Protein backbone atom coordinates (compact mmCIF):
# COMPACT_ATOMS: atom_id res chain seq x y z
CA UNK A 1 -45.95 -22.66 202.15
CA UNK A 2 -42.83 -24.70 201.36
CA UNK A 3 -41.52 -27.20 203.88
CA UNK A 4 -38.00 -28.13 204.98
CA UNK A 5 -37.16 -31.31 206.89
CA UNK A 6 -33.86 -31.16 208.80
CA UNK A 7 -32.42 -34.39 210.20
CA UNK A 8 -30.09 -33.59 213.11
CA UNK A 9 -30.00 -30.78 215.66
CA UNK A 10 -26.24 -30.35 215.93
CA UNK A 11 -24.23 -27.33 214.86
CA UNK A 12 -25.09 -27.72 211.17
CA UNK A 13 -28.77 -28.56 211.49
CA UNK A 14 -29.39 -25.98 214.19
CA UNK A 15 -27.68 -23.12 212.37
CA UNK A 16 -29.61 -23.99 209.20
CA UNK A 17 -32.93 -24.09 211.08
CA UNK A 18 -32.27 -20.78 212.81
CA UNK A 19 -31.60 -19.03 209.52
CA UNK A 20 -34.64 -20.55 207.82
CA UNK A 21 -36.88 -19.77 210.80
CA UNK A 22 -36.70 -16.09 209.89
CA UNK A 23 -38.82 -16.71 206.80
CA UNK A 24 -42.60 -16.66 207.14
CA UNK A 25 -42.88 -18.62 203.90
CA UNK A 26 -41.26 -21.80 205.21
CA UNK A 27 -42.28 -24.51 207.64
CA UNK A 28 -39.30 -26.27 209.23
CA UNK A 29 -39.41 -29.69 210.87
CA UNK A 30 -36.27 -30.37 212.91
CA UNK A 31 -35.80 -34.02 213.89
CA UNK A 32 -33.27 -35.25 216.43
CA UNK A 33 -33.06 -38.32 218.68
CA UNK A 34 -32.43 -35.93 221.59
CA UNK A 35 -34.49 -32.94 222.61
CA UNK A 36 -31.36 -30.83 222.95
CA UNK A 37 -28.37 -29.53 221.06
CA UNK A 38 -25.03 -30.48 222.60
CA UNK A 39 -21.93 -28.31 222.48
CA UNK A 40 -19.38 -30.98 221.60
CA UNK A 41 -16.16 -28.95 222.09
CA UNK A 42 -16.89 -28.78 225.83
CA UNK A 43 -17.96 -32.37 226.45
CA UNK A 44 -14.57 -33.21 227.93
CA UNK A 45 -15.22 -30.59 230.64
CA UNK A 46 -18.43 -32.38 231.58
CA UNK A 47 -16.48 -35.65 231.74
CA UNK A 48 -13.95 -34.09 234.14
CA UNK A 49 -16.67 -32.32 236.21
CA UNK A 50 -15.44 -28.84 235.27
CA UNK A 51 -18.87 -28.03 233.81
CA UNK A 52 -22.34 -29.41 234.43
CA UNK A 53 -24.32 -31.09 231.63
CA UNK A 54 -26.75 -28.15 231.61
CA UNK A 55 -23.85 -25.86 230.67
CA UNK A 56 -23.33 -27.61 227.32
CA UNK A 57 -26.81 -28.83 226.33
CA UNK A 58 -29.67 -26.64 225.13
CA UNK A 59 -33.31 -27.60 224.78
CA UNK A 60 -34.33 -27.33 221.13
CA UNK A 61 -37.90 -26.30 221.88
CA UNK A 62 -36.69 -23.44 224.03
CA UNK A 63 -34.40 -22.25 221.25
CA UNK A 64 -37.34 -21.99 218.83
CA UNK A 65 -40.10 -21.03 221.23
CA UNK A 66 -40.66 -17.72 219.40
CA UNK A 67 -40.84 -19.34 215.95
CA UNK A 68 -44.25 -20.80 215.20
CA UNK A 69 -43.00 -22.11 211.85
CA UNK A 70 -40.51 -24.50 213.48
CA UNK A 71 -41.69 -27.91 214.65
CA UNK A 72 -39.38 -30.04 216.82
CA UNK A 73 -39.70 -33.82 216.68
CA UNK A 74 -37.75 -36.00 219.09
CA UNK A 75 -37.18 -39.15 217.06
CA UNK A 76 -34.38 -41.18 215.52
CA UNK A 77 -34.33 -41.22 211.74
CA UNK A 78 -33.27 -44.67 210.49
CA UNK A 79 -33.84 -44.38 206.73
CA UNK A 80 -34.45 -41.79 204.04
CA UNK A 81 -36.06 -41.82 200.60
CA UNK A 82 -33.94 -39.29 198.74
CA UNK A 83 -36.24 -39.23 195.72
CA UNK A 84 -39.26 -38.11 197.70
CA UNK A 85 -37.21 -36.30 200.39
CA UNK A 86 -38.86 -38.38 203.11
CA UNK A 87 -37.29 -39.24 206.48
CA UNK A 88 -38.51 -42.36 208.30
CA UNK A 89 -38.07 -42.73 212.07
CA UNK A 90 -37.55 -45.83 214.20
CA UNK A 91 -41.23 -45.62 215.16
CA UNK A 92 -42.37 -45.61 211.53
CA UNK A 93 -43.29 -41.94 211.32
CA UNK A 94 -42.58 -40.27 207.98
CA UNK A 95 -41.66 -36.64 207.37
CA UNK A 96 -41.62 -35.35 203.81
CA UNK A 97 -40.49 -31.92 202.65
CA UNK A 98 -39.86 -29.82 199.59
CA UNK A 99 -36.29 -29.70 200.88
CA UNK A 100 -34.41 -32.29 202.92
CA UNK A 101 -31.31 -31.40 204.94
CA UNK A 102 -29.23 -34.30 206.22
CA UNK A 103 -27.17 -33.19 209.22
CA UNK A 104 -27.26 -36.38 211.27
CA UNK A 105 -23.78 -35.90 212.69
CA UNK A 106 -21.18 -38.51 213.54
CA UNK A 107 -20.27 -41.32 215.89
CA UNK A 108 -17.10 -42.94 217.16
CA UNK A 109 -15.00 -44.78 214.61
CA UNK A 110 -13.25 -47.75 216.24
CA UNK A 111 -11.52 -48.80 213.01
CA UNK A 112 -12.22 -52.46 213.74
CA UNK A 113 -10.09 -52.49 216.90
CA UNK A 114 -11.06 -55.65 218.84
CA UNK A 115 -12.97 -54.82 222.02
CA UNK A 116 -12.98 -51.07 221.45
CA UNK A 117 -16.72 -50.85 220.84
CA UNK A 118 -17.52 -52.66 224.10
CA UNK A 119 -14.71 -51.73 226.49
CA UNK A 120 -13.95 -48.06 225.81
CA UNK A 121 -15.60 -44.78 226.68
CA UNK A 122 -16.04 -42.58 223.60
CA UNK A 123 -16.47 -38.85 224.08
CA UNK A 124 -18.72 -37.63 221.30
CA UNK A 125 -22.10 -37.08 222.98
CA UNK A 126 -23.50 -35.68 226.21
CA UNK A 127 -24.40 -39.17 227.35
CA UNK A 128 -20.81 -40.26 226.63
CA UNK A 129 -19.51 -37.44 228.82
CA UNK A 130 -21.89 -38.21 231.68
CA UNK A 131 -21.11 -41.93 231.63
CA UNK A 132 -17.37 -41.26 231.52
CA UNK A 133 -17.59 -38.80 234.42
CA UNK A 134 -19.37 -41.42 236.52
CA UNK A 135 -16.83 -44.06 235.55
CA UNK A 136 -13.92 -41.85 236.60
CA UNK A 137 -15.56 -41.08 239.94
CA UNK A 138 -16.43 -44.75 240.43
CA UNK A 139 -12.85 -45.99 240.05
CA UNK A 140 -11.59 -43.21 242.33
CA UNK A 141 -14.14 -44.12 244.99
CA UNK A 142 -13.25 -47.82 244.63
CA UNK A 143 -9.51 -47.17 244.95
CA UNK A 144 -10.08 -44.97 247.99
CA UNK A 145 -12.10 -47.76 249.61
CA UNK A 146 -9.59 -50.46 248.65
CA UNK A 147 -6.10 -49.16 247.72
CA UNK A 148 -5.09 -52.62 246.51
CA UNK A 149 -7.19 -51.94 243.40
CA UNK A 150 -4.49 -49.54 242.22
CA UNK A 151 -2.43 -52.60 241.34
CA UNK A 152 -5.34 -53.73 239.15
CA UNK A 153 -5.24 -50.52 237.10
CA UNK A 154 -7.84 -48.47 238.97
CA UNK A 155 -5.83 -45.28 238.53
CA UNK A 156 -4.53 -45.97 235.03
CA UNK A 157 -6.41 -43.90 232.45
CA UNK A 158 -5.65 -44.56 228.78
CA UNK A 159 -6.71 -42.01 226.19
CA UNK A 160 -6.69 -43.16 222.56
CA UNK A 161 -6.18 -40.40 220.00
CA UNK A 162 -3.99 -37.28 220.21
CA UNK A 163 -6.26 -34.94 218.30
CA UNK A 164 -7.97 -32.00 220.03
CA UNK A 165 -10.43 -34.18 221.97
CA UNK A 166 -7.75 -36.52 223.30
CA UNK A 167 -5.24 -33.78 224.10
CA UNK A 168 -7.81 -31.59 225.86
CA UNK A 169 -9.03 -34.58 227.86
CA UNK A 170 -5.49 -35.57 228.83
CA UNK A 171 -4.62 -32.03 229.91
CA UNK A 172 -7.80 -31.71 231.97
CA UNK A 173 -7.04 -35.08 233.58
CA UNK A 174 -3.57 -33.91 234.51
CA UNK A 175 -4.87 -30.71 236.09
CA UNK A 176 -7.60 -32.58 237.95
CA UNK A 177 -5.12 -35.10 239.36
CA UNK A 178 -3.00 -32.24 240.73
CA UNK A 179 -6.06 -30.63 242.33
CA UNK A 180 -7.16 -33.92 243.89
CA UNK A 181 -3.71 -34.48 245.34
CA UNK A 182 -3.58 -30.95 246.76
CA UNK A 183 -7.09 -30.96 248.25
CA UNK A 184 -6.87 -34.53 249.63
CA UNK A 185 -10.56 -35.12 248.95
CA UNK A 186 -9.87 -38.85 249.03
CA UNK A 187 -8.17 -39.31 252.40
CA UNK A 188 -6.87 -42.83 251.72
CA UNK A 189 -6.03 -42.36 248.05
CA UNK A 190 -2.64 -41.24 246.76
CA UNK A 191 -3.83 -39.26 243.74
CA UNK A 192 -0.26 -38.84 242.56
CA UNK A 193 -0.34 -42.52 241.60
CA UNK A 194 -2.75 -41.73 238.78
CA UNK A 195 -1.31 -42.74 235.40
CA UNK A 196 -2.55 -40.79 232.37
CA UNK A 197 -1.41 -42.34 229.09
CA UNK A 198 -2.10 -40.73 225.71
CA UNK A 199 -1.74 -43.14 222.78
CA UNK A 200 -1.64 -42.26 219.08
CA UNK A 201 -0.29 -43.97 215.96
CA UNK A 202 1.11 -40.62 214.80
CA UNK A 203 4.52 -39.37 215.88
CA UNK A 204 3.06 -36.16 217.31
CA UNK A 205 0.03 -34.62 218.95
CA UNK A 206 -2.39 -32.20 217.28
CA UNK A 207 -1.24 -32.82 213.73
CA UNK A 208 -3.42 -30.03 212.34
CA UNK A 209 -1.23 -27.47 214.15
CA UNK A 210 2.24 -26.15 213.34
CA UNK A 211 5.36 -27.90 214.62
CA UNK A 212 5.96 -25.12 217.14
CA UNK A 213 2.46 -25.56 218.59
CA UNK A 214 2.79 -29.34 218.67
CA UNK A 215 6.05 -29.11 220.62
CA UNK A 216 4.44 -26.68 223.08
CA UNK A 217 1.49 -29.06 223.54
CA UNK A 218 3.82 -32.01 224.19
CA UNK A 219 5.69 -30.17 226.91
CA UNK A 220 2.48 -28.84 228.48
CA UNK A 221 1.09 -32.37 228.67
CA UNK A 222 4.30 -33.81 230.11
CA UNK A 223 4.38 -31.12 232.78
CA UNK A 224 0.97 -32.41 233.87
CA UNK A 225 2.24 -35.96 234.19
CA UNK A 226 0.72 -37.20 230.94
CA UNK A 227 2.71 -40.04 229.38
CA UNK A 228 2.88 -39.90 225.59
CA UNK A 229 2.92 -43.18 223.69
CA UNK A 230 3.25 -41.82 220.16
CA UNK A 231 3.91 -43.87 217.05
CA UNK A 232 1.92 -46.60 218.80
CA UNK A 233 -1.58 -47.88 218.15
CA UNK A 234 -4.06 -49.84 220.23
CA UNK A 235 -4.34 -53.42 219.04
CA UNK A 236 -6.92 -54.71 221.51
CA UNK A 237 -9.06 -53.44 224.37
CA UNK A 238 -10.34 -55.66 227.17
CA UNK A 239 -12.29 -54.91 230.32
CA UNK A 240 -9.10 -54.76 232.39
CA UNK A 241 -6.29 -53.89 229.96
CA UNK A 242 -5.22 -52.61 226.57
CA UNK A 243 -2.66 -54.13 224.23
CA UNK A 244 -0.49 -51.75 222.23
CA UNK A 245 1.21 -52.32 218.87
CA UNK A 246 4.63 -52.52 220.52
CA UNK A 247 3.46 -55.58 222.46
CA UNK A 248 3.04 -53.85 225.81
CA UNK A 249 -0.09 -54.21 227.91
CA UNK A 250 -1.48 -51.67 230.34
CA UNK A 251 -3.79 -52.56 233.18
CA UNK A 252 -6.69 -50.14 233.16
CA UNK A 253 -10.40 -49.98 233.85
CA UNK A 254 -10.96 -46.73 231.95
CA UNK A 255 -10.06 -46.41 228.26
CA UNK A 256 -11.24 -43.18 226.64
CA UNK A 257 -11.72 -43.35 222.88
CA UNK A 258 -10.94 -40.12 221.02
CA UNK A 259 -9.54 -41.97 218.02
CA UNK A 260 -11.74 -40.62 215.27
CA UNK A 261 -15.21 -40.13 213.85
CA UNK A 262 -17.37 -41.52 211.11
CA UNK A 263 -20.78 -40.46 209.85
CA UNK A 264 -23.76 -41.67 211.86
CA UNK A 265 -25.29 -45.03 210.96
CA UNK A 266 -27.97 -43.31 208.86
CA UNK A 267 -25.45 -42.82 206.04
CA UNK A 268 -25.58 -46.55 205.31
CA UNK A 269 -29.37 -46.43 204.80
CA UNK A 270 -29.59 -43.86 202.02
CA UNK A 271 -29.00 -46.08 199.04
CA UNK A 272 -25.78 -44.21 198.29
CA UNK A 273 -22.19 -45.31 198.38
CA UNK A 274 -20.68 -43.48 201.38
CA UNK A 275 -17.41 -41.65 200.88
CA UNK A 276 -14.46 -41.14 203.21
CA UNK A 277 -15.36 -41.76 206.85
CA UNK A 278 -18.77 -43.12 205.85
CA UNK A 279 -19.80 -39.56 204.97
CA UNK A 280 -21.93 -38.47 202.04
CA UNK A 281 -20.12 -36.76 199.16
CA UNK A 282 -21.70 -33.44 198.26
CA UNK A 283 -21.38 -30.95 195.45
CA UNK A 284 -19.82 -27.51 196.02
CA UNK A 285 -23.27 -26.03 196.77
CA UNK A 286 -23.79 -28.73 199.49
CA UNK A 287 -26.44 -30.64 197.53
CA UNK A 288 -26.42 -34.41 197.00
CA UNK A 289 -25.85 -35.13 193.33
CA UNK A 290 -28.85 -36.50 191.48
CA UNK A 291 -31.44 -35.60 194.12
CA UNK A 292 -33.23 -32.29 193.79
CA UNK A 293 -33.67 -30.38 197.03
CA UNK A 294 -31.47 -32.69 199.13
CA UNK A 295 -28.54 -31.25 201.10
CA UNK A 296 -25.96 -32.89 203.38
CA UNK A 297 -24.05 -30.92 206.01
CA UNK A 298 -21.53 -30.98 208.82
CA UNK A 299 -19.93 -34.22 210.02
CA UNK A 300 -22.41 -36.16 207.90
CA UNK A 301 -20.93 -34.86 204.64
CA UNK A 302 -17.63 -34.79 202.82
CA UNK A 303 -17.28 -31.11 202.02
CA UNK A 304 -14.39 -29.96 199.88
CA UNK A 305 -13.06 -26.55 199.00
CA UNK A 306 -10.50 -26.05 196.22
CA UNK A 307 -10.27 -29.83 196.00
CA UNK A 308 -9.31 -30.25 199.67
CA UNK A 309 -11.60 -31.83 202.28
CA UNK A 310 -12.67 -29.58 205.12
CA UNK A 311 -12.18 -30.93 208.66
CA UNK A 312 -14.97 -32.07 210.96
CA UNK A 313 -15.06 -28.89 213.04
CA UNK A 314 -17.91 -27.04 214.74
CA UNK A 315 -17.05 -23.90 212.77
CA UNK A 316 -17.35 -25.76 209.45
CA UNK A 317 -20.68 -27.27 210.48
CA UNK A 318 -22.11 -23.96 211.66
CA UNK A 319 -21.05 -22.08 208.54
CA UNK A 320 -22.31 -24.73 206.11
CA UNK A 321 -25.66 -24.75 207.93
CA UNK A 322 -26.07 -21.04 207.30
CA UNK A 323 -24.88 -21.46 203.71
CA UNK A 324 -27.41 -24.23 203.13
CA UNK A 325 -30.20 -21.95 204.37
CA UNK A 326 -29.03 -19.27 201.93
CA UNK A 327 -29.07 -21.74 199.04
CA UNK A 328 -32.56 -22.92 199.94
CA UNK A 329 -33.67 -19.28 199.82
CA UNK A 330 -32.05 -18.98 196.38
CA UNK A 331 -33.87 -22.15 195.29
CA UNK A 332 -37.18 -20.59 196.30
CA UNK A 333 -36.35 -17.51 194.24
CA UNK A 334 -35.32 -19.70 191.29
CA UNK A 335 -31.83 -18.26 191.43
CA UNK A 336 -28.60 -20.28 191.03
CA UNK A 337 -27.12 -21.69 194.21
CA UNK A 338 -23.68 -20.59 195.38
CA UNK A 339 -20.69 -22.82 196.13
CA UNK A 340 -19.80 -23.02 199.81
CA UNK A 341 -16.88 -20.90 200.94
CA UNK A 342 -15.47 -21.59 204.38
CA UNK A 343 -14.09 -18.67 206.38
CA UNK A 344 -11.19 -20.17 208.30
CA UNK A 345 -10.79 -18.17 211.50
CA UNK A 346 -8.13 -20.48 212.89
CA UNK A 347 -7.86 -23.44 215.23
CA UNK A 348 -7.49 -23.72 219.00
CA UNK A 349 -6.86 -26.34 221.66
CA UNK A 350 -6.89 -26.18 225.44
CA UNK A 351 -4.09 -28.04 227.22
CA UNK A 352 -4.93 -27.03 230.77
CA UNK A 353 -4.71 -24.26 233.30
CA UNK A 354 -2.91 -21.26 231.71
CA UNK A 355 -1.89 -23.45 228.78
CA UNK A 356 -3.52 -23.45 225.36
CA UNK A 357 -2.58 -23.02 221.73
CA UNK A 358 -4.26 -21.00 219.02
CA UNK A 359 -3.36 -20.38 215.41
CA UNK A 360 -5.38 -17.50 214.02
CA UNK A 361 -5.69 -15.39 210.92
CA UNK A 362 -4.84 -16.08 207.30
CA UNK A 363 -1.23 -16.86 208.18
CA UNK A 364 -2.17 -19.05 211.13
CA UNK A 365 -0.12 -17.01 213.57
CA UNK A 366 0.61 -19.22 216.60
CA UNK A 367 -0.26 -18.05 220.12
CA UNK A 368 0.65 -20.11 223.18
CA UNK A 369 0.23 -19.95 226.93
CA UNK A 370 -1.96 -17.63 228.98
CA UNK A 371 -3.03 -15.41 226.08
CA UNK A 372 -4.19 -18.43 224.11
CA UNK A 373 -5.85 -19.76 227.28
CA UNK A 374 -7.92 -16.59 227.68
CA UNK A 375 -8.67 -16.51 223.95
CA UNK A 376 -9.92 -20.09 224.04
CA UNK A 377 -12.25 -19.28 226.93
CA UNK A 378 -13.58 -16.18 225.18
CA UNK A 379 -14.22 -17.91 221.87
CA UNK A 380 -16.01 -20.86 223.47
CA UNK A 381 -18.17 -18.61 225.63
CA UNK A 382 -19.16 -16.67 222.51
CA UNK A 383 -20.09 -19.89 220.70
CA UNK A 384 -22.39 -21.15 223.44
CA UNK A 385 -26.01 -21.08 222.35
CA UNK A 386 -27.74 -19.17 225.15
CA UNK A 387 -26.89 -16.14 227.27
CA UNK A 388 -27.58 -18.12 230.43
CA UNK A 389 -25.10 -20.80 229.35
CA UNK A 390 -22.46 -18.15 228.68
CA UNK A 391 -22.88 -16.67 232.17
CA UNK A 392 -22.93 -20.05 233.92
CA UNK A 393 -19.85 -21.28 232.08
CA UNK A 394 -17.94 -18.13 233.00
CA UNK A 395 -18.92 -18.53 236.65
CA UNK A 396 -17.84 -22.20 236.68
CA UNK A 397 -14.51 -21.42 235.01
CA UNK A 398 -13.85 -18.49 237.34
CA UNK A 399 -14.68 -20.62 240.39
CA UNK A 400 -12.36 -23.34 239.13
CA UNK A 401 -9.56 -20.93 238.23
CA UNK A 402 -9.50 -18.70 241.30
CA UNK A 403 -10.73 -21.24 243.83
CA UNK A 404 -8.85 -24.22 242.32
CA UNK A 405 -11.97 -26.18 243.09
CA UNK A 406 -13.79 -28.59 240.78
CA UNK A 407 -17.58 -28.35 240.54
CA UNK A 408 -19.63 -31.06 242.24
CA UNK A 409 -18.46 -34.46 240.87
CA UNK A 410 -21.69 -36.42 241.27
CA UNK A 411 -21.78 -40.17 240.67
CA UNK A 412 -25.23 -40.28 239.08
CA UNK A 413 -24.89 -43.40 236.90
CA UNK A 414 -24.59 -46.13 239.47
CA UNK A 415 -24.15 -48.84 236.81
CA UNK A 416 -20.62 -47.55 236.28
CA UNK A 417 -19.69 -48.80 239.77
CA UNK A 418 -20.38 -52.40 238.74
CA UNK A 419 -16.75 -53.32 238.02
CA UNK A 420 -15.45 -56.88 238.14
CA UNK A 421 -12.16 -56.19 239.86
CA UNK A 422 -11.29 -59.89 239.94
CA UNK A 423 -11.06 -60.24 236.17
CA UNK A 424 -7.66 -60.38 234.53
CA UNK A 425 -5.52 -61.23 237.52
CA UNK A 426 -2.71 -62.53 235.34
CA UNK A 427 0.54 -60.62 235.48
CA UNK A 428 1.00 -58.01 232.79
CA UNK A 429 4.36 -56.63 231.85
CA UNK A 430 4.20 -53.11 230.44
CA UNK A 431 6.77 -51.51 228.19
CA UNK A 432 9.16 -49.15 229.89
CA UNK A 433 9.75 -47.18 226.68
CA UNK A 434 7.51 -44.33 227.73
CA UNK A 435 7.84 -40.70 226.78
CA UNK A 436 7.42 -38.25 229.62
CA UNK A 437 7.93 -38.83 233.35
CA UNK A 438 9.39 -42.20 234.27
CA UNK A 439 6.48 -44.13 235.74
CA UNK A 440 5.79 -47.83 235.76
CA UNK A 441 2.53 -48.88 234.19
CA UNK A 442 1.22 -52.09 235.71
């Protein structure tokens, strides 16, 4: 029996393992530092308490409970011998296979921004989302207890990066602020004083979309009170403020980093020169050049089609995982592998309640508003891994939509309440050149 070692249980690794699990002639070892697969496109909903963590995370052992040829190992792979196709974990365990699939995923790319790695909240893992949710609740509880903390930036939320993650987070923030103000959950807190600032060095939001969709997204964000600081980058992040490239400073205790991704740290321990974004360059058939039986997938790899790099999307990762499994089957039959072909079904982004954008089909036909909103919900329900998760997500969304009521926002990471509110008492003058509603940032 041939063996396959898969490093990473994300979209790419999981879809590859599920396809290979159908063969009785293969033994698959799936290694991940977590015992679950996380549905990254919905992490921002966990961060804003629209969904529970259990709605977007799925136990890997449960997913393969009917497949005796799949072995799950919860461990962090820190190095790989590509010649022998051996993965080595932080505990020293070694896993060797006839085939090695590297799908170790990605991590936040701070691009060397001073303080960003220590003073921001990235949103690329389930733990990130849970920590950020607790941080948001903590500053709200603190400001309700002591309204003077608003002057220290308690209700200023800065989101770095106007791609899908940043835009969806900003829109959800805007909707949540409106709900909090209407429901008056915090009796002594004026929720309308919340400042949501979206910062990006580009001149627009959602650059992968058409101009018409980008304009729609801008207006939808502004209608939710989101302030757009476009053409501006973050120069420095501190515990109590951020400094922007135009010289302005914003008092804040919550900076959300959605500014980009790079391959996980494992890519630096392969003995290869990483490519763009720290990712591993692969051949058209998804193999790593010069190493027989070694594949790289998803956010861990630079995958090109017709000479153009494919984006780091869940759909790309899922499709290349299935394609890798097909090529491994061809390897076993001593048949030539096939070059990966990505089926582009379109792109989508949620802005908020009744507001979304979708560009579908070969011509990328744009759809905006309620129809795109419903389409986004339907597509993401379909992509969820388990039937139970699909049902629970629908119930949560329906409760939120018809009841206008957020799910239980539990502060379960008490360390996020440990905020030094006395730091940075110096006066900060913020720029008044702000797109969107006229609000003073202080």
